[in-house]
């Protein structure tokens, strides 16, 4: 399965940092949100594309339905810096 989420994220980042390279950022953002929702419905991580099976706590489950990140990707993303 092709990961459109990474592609769309990159385009939006490029738009913000490189002089409007995306023709319509609002459309790209809507497309990104649709792709994230689709992956959540398929119970797949939006980033690593693995099948989502379990989480360590309720907060992690809630985060999945917000971000679409599996437990492993959440742990990497939200790692505490000491």
C-alpha atoms as a PDB file:
ATOM      1  CA  UNK A   1       0.000   0.000   0.000  1.00  0.00           C
ATOM      2  CA  UNK A   2       1.388   3.369  -0.988  1.00  0.00           C
ATOM      3  CA  UNK A   3       1.831   5.763   1.907  1.00  0.00           C
ATOM      4  CA  UNK A   4       0.234   8.994   0.729  1.00  0.00           C
ATOM      5  CA  UNK A   5       0.408  10.430   4.235  1.00  0.00           C
ATOM      6  CA  UNK A   6       4.175  10.884   4.143  1.00  0.00           C
ATOM      7  CA  UNK A   7       3.954  12.407   0.643  1.00  0.00           C
ATOM      8  CA  UNK A   8       1.178  14.826   1.641  1.00  0.00           C
ATOM      9  CA  UNK A   9       2.985  15.756   4.852  1.00  0.00           C
ATOM     10  CA  UNK A  10       6.141  16.528   2.900  1.00  0.00           C
ATOM     11  CA  UNK A  11       4.220  18.692   0.423  1.00  0.00           C
ATOM     12  CA  UNK A  12       2.629  20.678   3.258  1.00  0.00           C
ATOM     13  CA  UNK A  13       6.006  21.151   4.941  1.00  0.00           C
ATOM     14  CA  UNK A  14       7.491  22.273   1.645  1.00  0.00           C
ATOM     15  CA  UNK A  15       4.616  24.697   1.225  1.00  0.00           C
ATOM     16  CA  UNK A  16       5.301  26.277   4.588  1.00  0.00           C
ATOM     17  CA  UNK A  17       9.052  26.508   4.175  1.00  0.00           C
ATOM     18  CA  UNK A  18       9.746  26.856   0.476  1.00  0.00           C
ATOM     19  CA  UNK A  19       7.706  29.620  -1.129  1.00  0.00           C
ATOM     20  CA  UNK A  20       4.305  28.088  -1.805  1.00  0.00           C
ATOM     21  CA  UNK A  21       5.224  24.960  -3.763  1.00  0.00           C
ATOM     22  CA  UNK A  22       1.812  23.413  -3.169  1.00  0.00           C
ATOM     23  CA  UNK A  23      -0.864  24.876  -5.400  1.00  0.00           C
ATOM     24  CA  UNK A  24      -3.623  24.733  -2.783  1.00  0.00           C
ATOM     25  CA  UNK A  25      -2.519  23.935   0.792  1.00  0.00           C
ATOM     26  CA  UNK A  26      -6.095  23.786   2.064  1.00  0.00           C
ATOM     27  CA  UNK A  27      -6.929  21.019  -0.404  1.00  0.00           C
ATOM     28  CA  UNK A  28      -3.738  19.144   0.509  1.00  0.00           C
ATOM     29  CA  UNK A  29      -4.587  19.382   4.202  1.00  0.00           C
ATOM     30  CA  UNK A  30      -8.088  18.026   3.573  1.00  0.00           C
ATOM     31  CA  UNK A  31      -6.608  15.197   1.521  1.00  0.00           C
ATOM     32  CA  UNK A  32      -4.144  14.429   4.326  1.00  0.00           C
ATOM     33  CA  UNK A  33      -6.961  14.297   6.883  1.00  0.00           C
ATOM     34  CA  UNK A  34      -8.940  11.898   4.652  1.00  0.00           C
ATOM     35  CA  UNK A  35      -5.911   9.622   4.284  1.00  0.00           C
ATOM     36  CA  UNK A  36      -5.328   9.581   8.055  1.00  0.00           C
ATOM     37  CA  UNK A  37      -8.986   8.763   8.711  1.00  0.00           C
ATOM     38  CA  UNK A  38      -8.877   5.974   6.127  1.00  0.00           C
ATOM     39  CA  UNK A  39      -5.806   4.399   7.752  1.00  0.00           C
ATOM     40  CA  UNK A  40      -7.388   4.609  11.207  1.00  0.00           C
ATOM     41  CA  UNK A  41     -10.478   2.808   9.888  1.00  0.00           C
ATOM     42  CA  UNK A  42      -8.189   0.107   8.476  1.00  0.00           C
ATOM     43  CA  UNK A  43      -6.472  -0.125  11.903  1.00  0.00           C
ATOM     44  CA  UNK A  44      -3.070   0.712  10.428  1.00  0.00           C
ATOM     45  CA  UNK A  45      -0.413   3.103  11.649  1.00  0.00           C
ATOM     46  CA  UNK A  46      -0.242   6.146   9.394  1.00  0.00           C
ATOM     47  CA  UNK A  47       3.531   6.324   9.655  1.00  0.00           C
ATOM     48  CA  UNK A  48       5.009   2.814   9.702  1.00  0.00           C
ATOM     49  CA  UNK A  49       1.988   1.132   8.060  1.00  0.00           C
ATOM     50  CA  UNK A  50       1.925  -1.765  10.547  1.00  0.00           C
ATOM     51  CA  UNK A  51      -1.312  -3.292  11.724  1.00  0.00           C
ATOM     52  CA  UNK A  52      -2.427  -1.733  15.013  1.00  0.00           C
ATOM     53  CA  UNK A  53      -3.163  -4.338  17.658  1.00  0.00           C
ATOM     54  CA  UNK A  54      -2.780  -3.014  21.184  1.00  0.00           C
ATOM     55  CA  UNK A  55      -1.847   0.000  23.249  1.00  0.00           C
ATOM     56  CA  UNK A  56      -0.341   0.379  26.701  1.00  0.00           C
ATOM     57  CA  UNK A  57      -3.117   2.594  28.116  1.00  0.00           C
ATOM     58  CA  UNK A  58      -6.324   4.509  27.335  1.00  0.00           C
ATOM     59  CA  UNK A  59      -4.443   7.717  26.603  1.00  0.00           C
ATOM     60  CA  UNK A  60      -2.502   5.921  23.869  1.00  0.00           C
ATOM     61  CA  UNK A  61      -5.739   4.616  22.355  1.00  0.00           C
ATOM     62  CA  UNK A  62      -7.188   8.143  22.331  1.00  0.00           C
ATOM     63  CA  UNK A  63      -3.985   9.415  20.733  1.00  0.00           C
ATOM     64  CA  UNK A  64      -4.278   6.789  17.998  1.00  0.00           C
ATOM     65  CA  UNK A  65      -7.724   8.086  17.048  1.00  0.00           C
ATOM     66  CA  UNK A  66      -6.291  11.619  16.904  1.00  0.00           C
ATOM     67  CA  UNK A  67      -2.960  11.043  15.197  1.00  0.00           C
ATOM     68  CA  UNK A  68      -3.186   7.559  13.678  1.00  0.00           C
ATOM     69  CA  UNK A  69       0.157   6.562  15.231  1.00  0.00           C
ATOM     70  CA  UNK A  70       0.661   3.029  16.591  1.00  0.00           C
ATOM     71  CA  UNK A  71       2.097   2.535  20.073  1.00  0.00           C
ATOM     72  CA  UNK A  72       5.655   2.214  18.792  1.00  0.00           C
ATOM     73  CA  UNK A  73       5.435   5.392  16.692  1.00  0.00           C
ATOM     74  CA  UNK A  74       3.778   7.245  19.575  1.00  0.00           C
ATOM     75  CA  UNK A  75       6.616   6.212  21.872  1.00  0.00           C
ATOM     76  CA  UNK A  76       9.200   7.456  19.365  1.00  0.00           C
ATOM     77  CA  UNK A  77       7.321  10.676  18.620  1.00  0.00           C
ATOM     78  CA  UNK A  78       6.466  11.635  22.177  1.00  0.00           C
ATOM     79  CA  UNK A  79       9.666  10.414  23.782  1.00  0.00           C
ATOM     80  CA  UNK A  80      10.495  12.434  26.876  1.00  0.00           C
ATOM     81  CA  UNK A  81      13.723  14.371  26.719  1.00  0.00           C
ATOM     82  CA  UNK A  82      15.647  14.400  29.968  1.00  0.00           C
END
